[in-house]
Amino acid sequence: MKYLLIIALILFVSCKKKQTIHITAKNAATGEPYPGLTYYVVTYTNINGGTKSKTVATGTLDANGEAIVTERLPKNKGRGVRVVEPENSCYNKNIQLYFSEEDGENFKAEFEFAECAYSKLIINNANCNGASDKFVLFRKNQIGSINGNFGWEHMGCAYWETNGYSDIPMGNVYFRWEVSRNGTNSIYYDTVFYAPGEYKTYEINY
């Protein structure tokens, strides 16, 4: 009986392969770590068209926004790592990552987040010369969805402002605007940093 138990134990351990998961989370805009975020290492199985998951390890990231987890994981089950987003998050690069035995003994699970800031924009042709004045604004976020390829165009003696504040990922916002007036074209640039939770009004008088 004793030998049967030993054999069963050997078979059980052999069905599991040890893997080390190196988890990191940082701010996508500043590169600063996110200490204290909760992480989960899970296994999952597809059953009757659904997914059944089991948490095999959990904890919080250290002062460097890191955690190292070593577990023996079943060969026949899927594997994943999840990190809970920080409060007021407006951007994430991965919330959950999946991995397998083929990823080797060491798997890097890298997460990026950024909190929201709040932006209001005002455009004012303070030196209007007439209906032929042309203004085109290009805006690009350091992170997020606004890529800077689209121009907002305003003609004549324009005054325009956004309807309240819009939430954007914290970080730099890059502005470029072109002004055509009296047959002269001018291009201007500015970079504005939005801190987490900050409400900021940016006004362009041209």
Protein backbone atom coordinates (compact mmCIF):
# COMPACT_ATOMS: atom_id res chain seq x y z
CA MET A 1 0.00 0.00 0.00
CA LYS A 2 2.83 2.37 0.89
CA TYR A 3 4.49 1.78 -2.49
CA LEU A 4 1.21 2.38 -4.31
CA LEU A 5 0.88 5.75 -2.58
CA ILE A 6 4.43 6.69 -3.55
CA ILE A 7 3.82 5.68 -7.17
CA ALA A 8 0.56 7.66 -7.22
CA LEU A 9 2.36 10.69 -5.82
CA ILE A 10 5.10 10.42 -8.45
CA LEU A 11 2.51 10.18 -11.21
CA PHE A 12 0.62 13.18 -9.80
CA VAL A 13 3.75 15.37 -9.66
CA SER A 14 4.86 14.25 -13.13
CA CYS A 15 1.54 15.51 -14.53
CA LYS A 16 2.43 18.98 -13.36
CA LYS A 17 5.26 21.13 -14.66
CA LYS A 18 6.88 23.82 -12.58
CA GLN A 19 6.75 27.30 -14.09
CA THR A 20 7.90 30.67 -12.79
CA ILE A 21 5.75 33.68 -13.66
CA HIS A 22 7.38 37.10 -13.41
CA ILE A 23 4.61 39.70 -13.11
CA THR A 24 5.23 43.43 -13.60
CA ALA A 25 2.90 46.43 -13.79
CA LYS A 26 3.93 49.97 -14.69
CA ASN A 27 2.44 53.29 -15.69
CA ALA A 28 2.28 53.48 -19.49
CA ALA A 29 3.03 57.22 -19.50
CA THR A 30 5.76 57.55 -16.87
CA GLY A 31 7.18 54.04 -16.53
CA GLU A 32 6.68 54.19 -12.75
CA PRO A 33 5.74 50.89 -11.05
CA TYR A 34 2.31 50.12 -9.59
CA PRO A 35 2.89 48.64 -6.13
CA GLY A 36 0.02 47.03 -4.27
CA LEU A 37 -2.07 45.86 -7.22
CA THR A 38 -3.67 42.46 -6.77
CA TYR A 39 -2.70 39.64 -9.11
CA TYR A 40 -4.15 36.19 -9.78
CA VAL A 41 -2.58 33.14 -11.39
CA VAL A 42 -5.31 30.81 -12.64
CA THR A 43 -5.83 27.56 -14.48
CA TYR A 44 -8.90 26.97 -16.59
CA THR A 45 -10.72 24.13 -18.31
CA ASN A 46 -13.31 24.25 -21.07
CA ILE A 47 -16.37 22.28 -19.94
CA ASN A 48 -19.62 21.91 -21.92
CA GLY A 49 -18.99 25.07 -23.90
CA GLY A 50 -18.08 27.08 -20.80
CA THR A 51 -14.90 27.81 -18.89
CA LYS A 52 -14.15 26.72 -15.36
CA SER A 53 -11.24 28.53 -13.69
CA LYS A 54 -9.31 27.96 -10.49
CA THR A 55 -7.04 30.44 -8.69
CA VAL A 56 -3.75 28.76 -7.86
CA ALA A 57 -1.90 31.83 -6.54
CA THR A 58 -2.79 35.39 -5.56
CA GLY A 59 -1.11 38.30 -3.83
CA THR A 60 -0.08 41.93 -4.29
CA LEU A 61 2.75 43.47 -6.27
CA ASP A 62 5.73 44.69 -4.25
CA ALA A 63 7.18 48.21 -4.06
CA ASN A 64 8.72 47.73 -7.51
CA GLY A 65 5.39 46.68 -9.01
CA GLU A 66 6.58 43.09 -9.32
CA ALA A 67 5.79 39.59 -8.13
CA ILE A 68 7.45 36.25 -8.84
CA VAL A 69 5.28 33.15 -8.57
CA THR A 70 6.51 29.57 -8.98
CA GLU A 71 3.86 26.86 -9.25
CA ARG A 72 3.46 23.32 -10.55
CA LEU A 73 0.66 23.66 -13.08
CA PRO A 74 -1.34 20.85 -14.73
CA LYS A 75 -0.23 20.05 -18.27
CA ASN A 76 -3.76 19.63 -19.59
CA LYS A 77 -5.18 22.97 -18.42
CA GLY A 78 -4.98 26.51 -19.71
CA ARG A 79 -3.07 29.08 -17.67
CA GLY A 80 -3.51 32.79 -17.17
CA VAL A 81 -2.34 35.79 -15.16
CA ARG A 82 -4.58 38.72 -14.27
CA VAL A 83 -3.80 42.03 -12.57
CA VAL A 84 -6.56 44.21 -11.15
CA GLU A 85 -6.46 47.69 -12.68
CA PRO A 86 -5.72 50.73 -10.49
CA GLU A 87 -8.63 52.97 -9.53
CA ASN A 88 -9.74 55.52 -12.13
CA SER A 89 -7.94 53.64 -14.89
CA CYS A 90 -8.40 55.00 -18.42
CA TYR A 91 -5.94 52.77 -20.26
CA ASN A 92 -4.64 49.24 -20.03
CA LYS A 93 -2.27 47.16 -22.06
CA ASN A 94 -3.43 43.69 -21.02
CA ILE A 95 -5.63 42.85 -18.06
CA GLN A 96 -5.18 39.12 -18.43
CA LEU A 97 -2.44 37.21 -20.21
CA TYR A 98 -2.57 33.55 -21.19
CA PHE A 99 0.39 31.22 -21.34
CA SER A 100 1.13 27.53 -21.74
CA GLU A 101 3.75 24.90 -21.11
CA GLU A 102 5.32 25.84 -24.45
CA ASP A 103 6.28 29.24 -23.01
CA GLY A 104 9.00 27.50 -21.01
CA GLU A 105 9.93 27.50 -17.36
CA ASN A 106 9.91 31.30 -17.14
CA PHE A 107 7.03 33.47 -18.34
CA LYS A 108 7.01 37.27 -18.26
CA ALA A 109 3.58 38.81 -17.68
CA GLU A 110 3.90 42.55 -18.34
CA PHE A 111 1.03 44.94 -17.68
CA GLU A 112 0.64 48.68 -18.32
CA PHE A 113 -2.01 51.04 -17.00
CA ALA A 114 -2.74 54.77 -16.83
CA GLU A 115 -5.27 56.71 -14.78
CA CYS A 116 -7.71 59.23 -16.24
CA ALA A 117 -7.18 62.95 -16.58
CA TYR A 118 -9.85 65.38 -17.78
CA SER A 119 -9.44 67.76 -20.70
CA LYS A 120 -11.39 70.76 -21.98
CA LEU A 121 -10.34 72.53 -25.19
CA ILE A 122 -11.12 76.08 -26.37
CA ILE A 123 -10.24 77.42 -29.82
CA ASN A 124 -10.56 81.16 -30.43
CA ASN A 125 -9.65 83.21 -33.51
CA ALA A 126 -8.68 86.30 -31.51
CA ASN A 127 -7.14 88.01 -34.54
CA CYS A 128 -9.81 87.30 -37.12
CA ASN A 129 -9.25 88.76 -40.57
CA GLY A 130 -12.39 87.34 -42.20
CA ALA A 131 -14.13 84.30 -43.58
CA SER A 132 -10.99 83.04 -45.35
CA ASP A 133 -9.08 82.48 -42.09
CA LYS A 134 -8.34 78.78 -41.72
CA PHE A 135 -7.35 76.88 -38.61
CA VAL A 136 -6.49 73.15 -38.48
CA LEU A 137 -5.69 71.38 -35.21
CA PHE A 138 -3.92 68.03 -34.84
CA ARG A 139 -3.75 66.34 -31.45
CA LYS A 140 -1.95 63.19 -30.35
CA ASN A 141 -2.05 61.45 -26.99
CA GLN A 142 1.13 59.93 -25.57
CA ILE A 143 -0.95 56.80 -24.99
CA GLY A 144 -4.47 55.91 -26.02
CA SER A 145 -6.57 56.20 -29.13
CA ILE A 146 -5.97 59.72 -30.54
CA ASN A 147 -3.15 59.25 -33.07
CA GLY A 148 -2.76 62.76 -34.51
CA ASN A 149 -3.57 61.94 -38.14
CA PHE A 150 -6.95 63.67 -38.15
CA GLY A 151 -7.26 67.46 -38.30
CA TRP A 152 -10.08 69.55 -36.81
CA GLU A 153 -10.71 72.38 -39.28
CA HIS A 154 -12.36 75.73 -38.52
CA MET A 155 -12.95 78.57 -40.97
CA GLY A 156 -13.48 82.29 -40.42
CA CYS A 157 -13.89 83.99 -37.07
CA ALA A 158 -14.15 80.72 -35.18
CA TYR A 159 -14.83 80.21 -31.51
CA TRP A 160 -15.30 76.62 -30.41
CA GLU A 161 -15.04 74.67 -27.18
CA THR A 162 -15.64 71.11 -26.13
CA ASN A 163 -18.84 70.24 -24.31
CA GLY A 164 -17.42 69.98 -20.81
CA TYR A 165 -14.44 67.79 -19.88
CA SER A 166 -13.49 64.58 -21.65
CA ASP A 167 -11.60 61.80 -19.90
CA ILE A 168 -8.23 60.96 -21.45
CA PRO A 169 -5.32 58.79 -20.31
CA MET A 170 -2.86 60.77 -18.20
CA GLY A 171 0.44 61.78 -19.79
CA ASN A 172 1.52 64.14 -22.54
CA VAL A 173 -0.80 65.48 -25.20
CA TYR A 174 0.94 66.83 -28.30
CA PHE A 175 -0.75 69.72 -30.11
CA ARG A 176 0.04 71.04 -33.58
CA TRP A 177 -2.02 73.68 -35.33
CA GLU A 178 -1.81 75.42 -38.67
CA VAL A 179 -3.11 78.93 -39.28
CA SER A 180 -3.70 80.35 -42.75
CA ARG A 181 -4.40 84.08 -42.82
CA ASN A 182 -3.75 86.82 -45.42
CA GLY A 183 -1.92 84.34 -47.65
CA THR A 184 0.49 83.39 -44.83
CA ASN A 185 0.71 79.89 -43.34
CA SER A 186 2.06 79.40 -39.80
CA ILE A 187 2.55 76.19 -37.80
CA TYR A 188 2.65 76.02 -33.99
CA TYR A 189 3.46 73.24 -31.52
CA ASP A 190 2.85 72.62 -27.84
CA THR A 191 3.07 69.72 -25.38
CA VAL A 192 0.84 69.61 -22.31
CA PHE A 193 1.14 67.12 -19.45
CA TYR A 194 -2.03 65.89 -17.75
CA ALA A 195 -1.54 64.45 -14.26
CA PRO A 196 -3.75 61.65 -12.87
CA GLY A 197 -7.17 63.04 -11.91
CA GLU A 198 -6.31 66.55 -13.16
CA TYR A 199 -8.95 68.80 -14.78
CA LYS A 200 -7.28 71.12 -17.27
CA THR A 201 -8.59 73.64 -19.81
CA TYR A 202 -6.30 74.29 -22.76
CA GLU A 203 -7.04 77.39 -24.82
CA ILE A 204 -5.60 78.26 -28.24
CA ASN A 205 -5.89 81.90 -29.26
CA TYR A 206 -4.65 82.43 -32.78
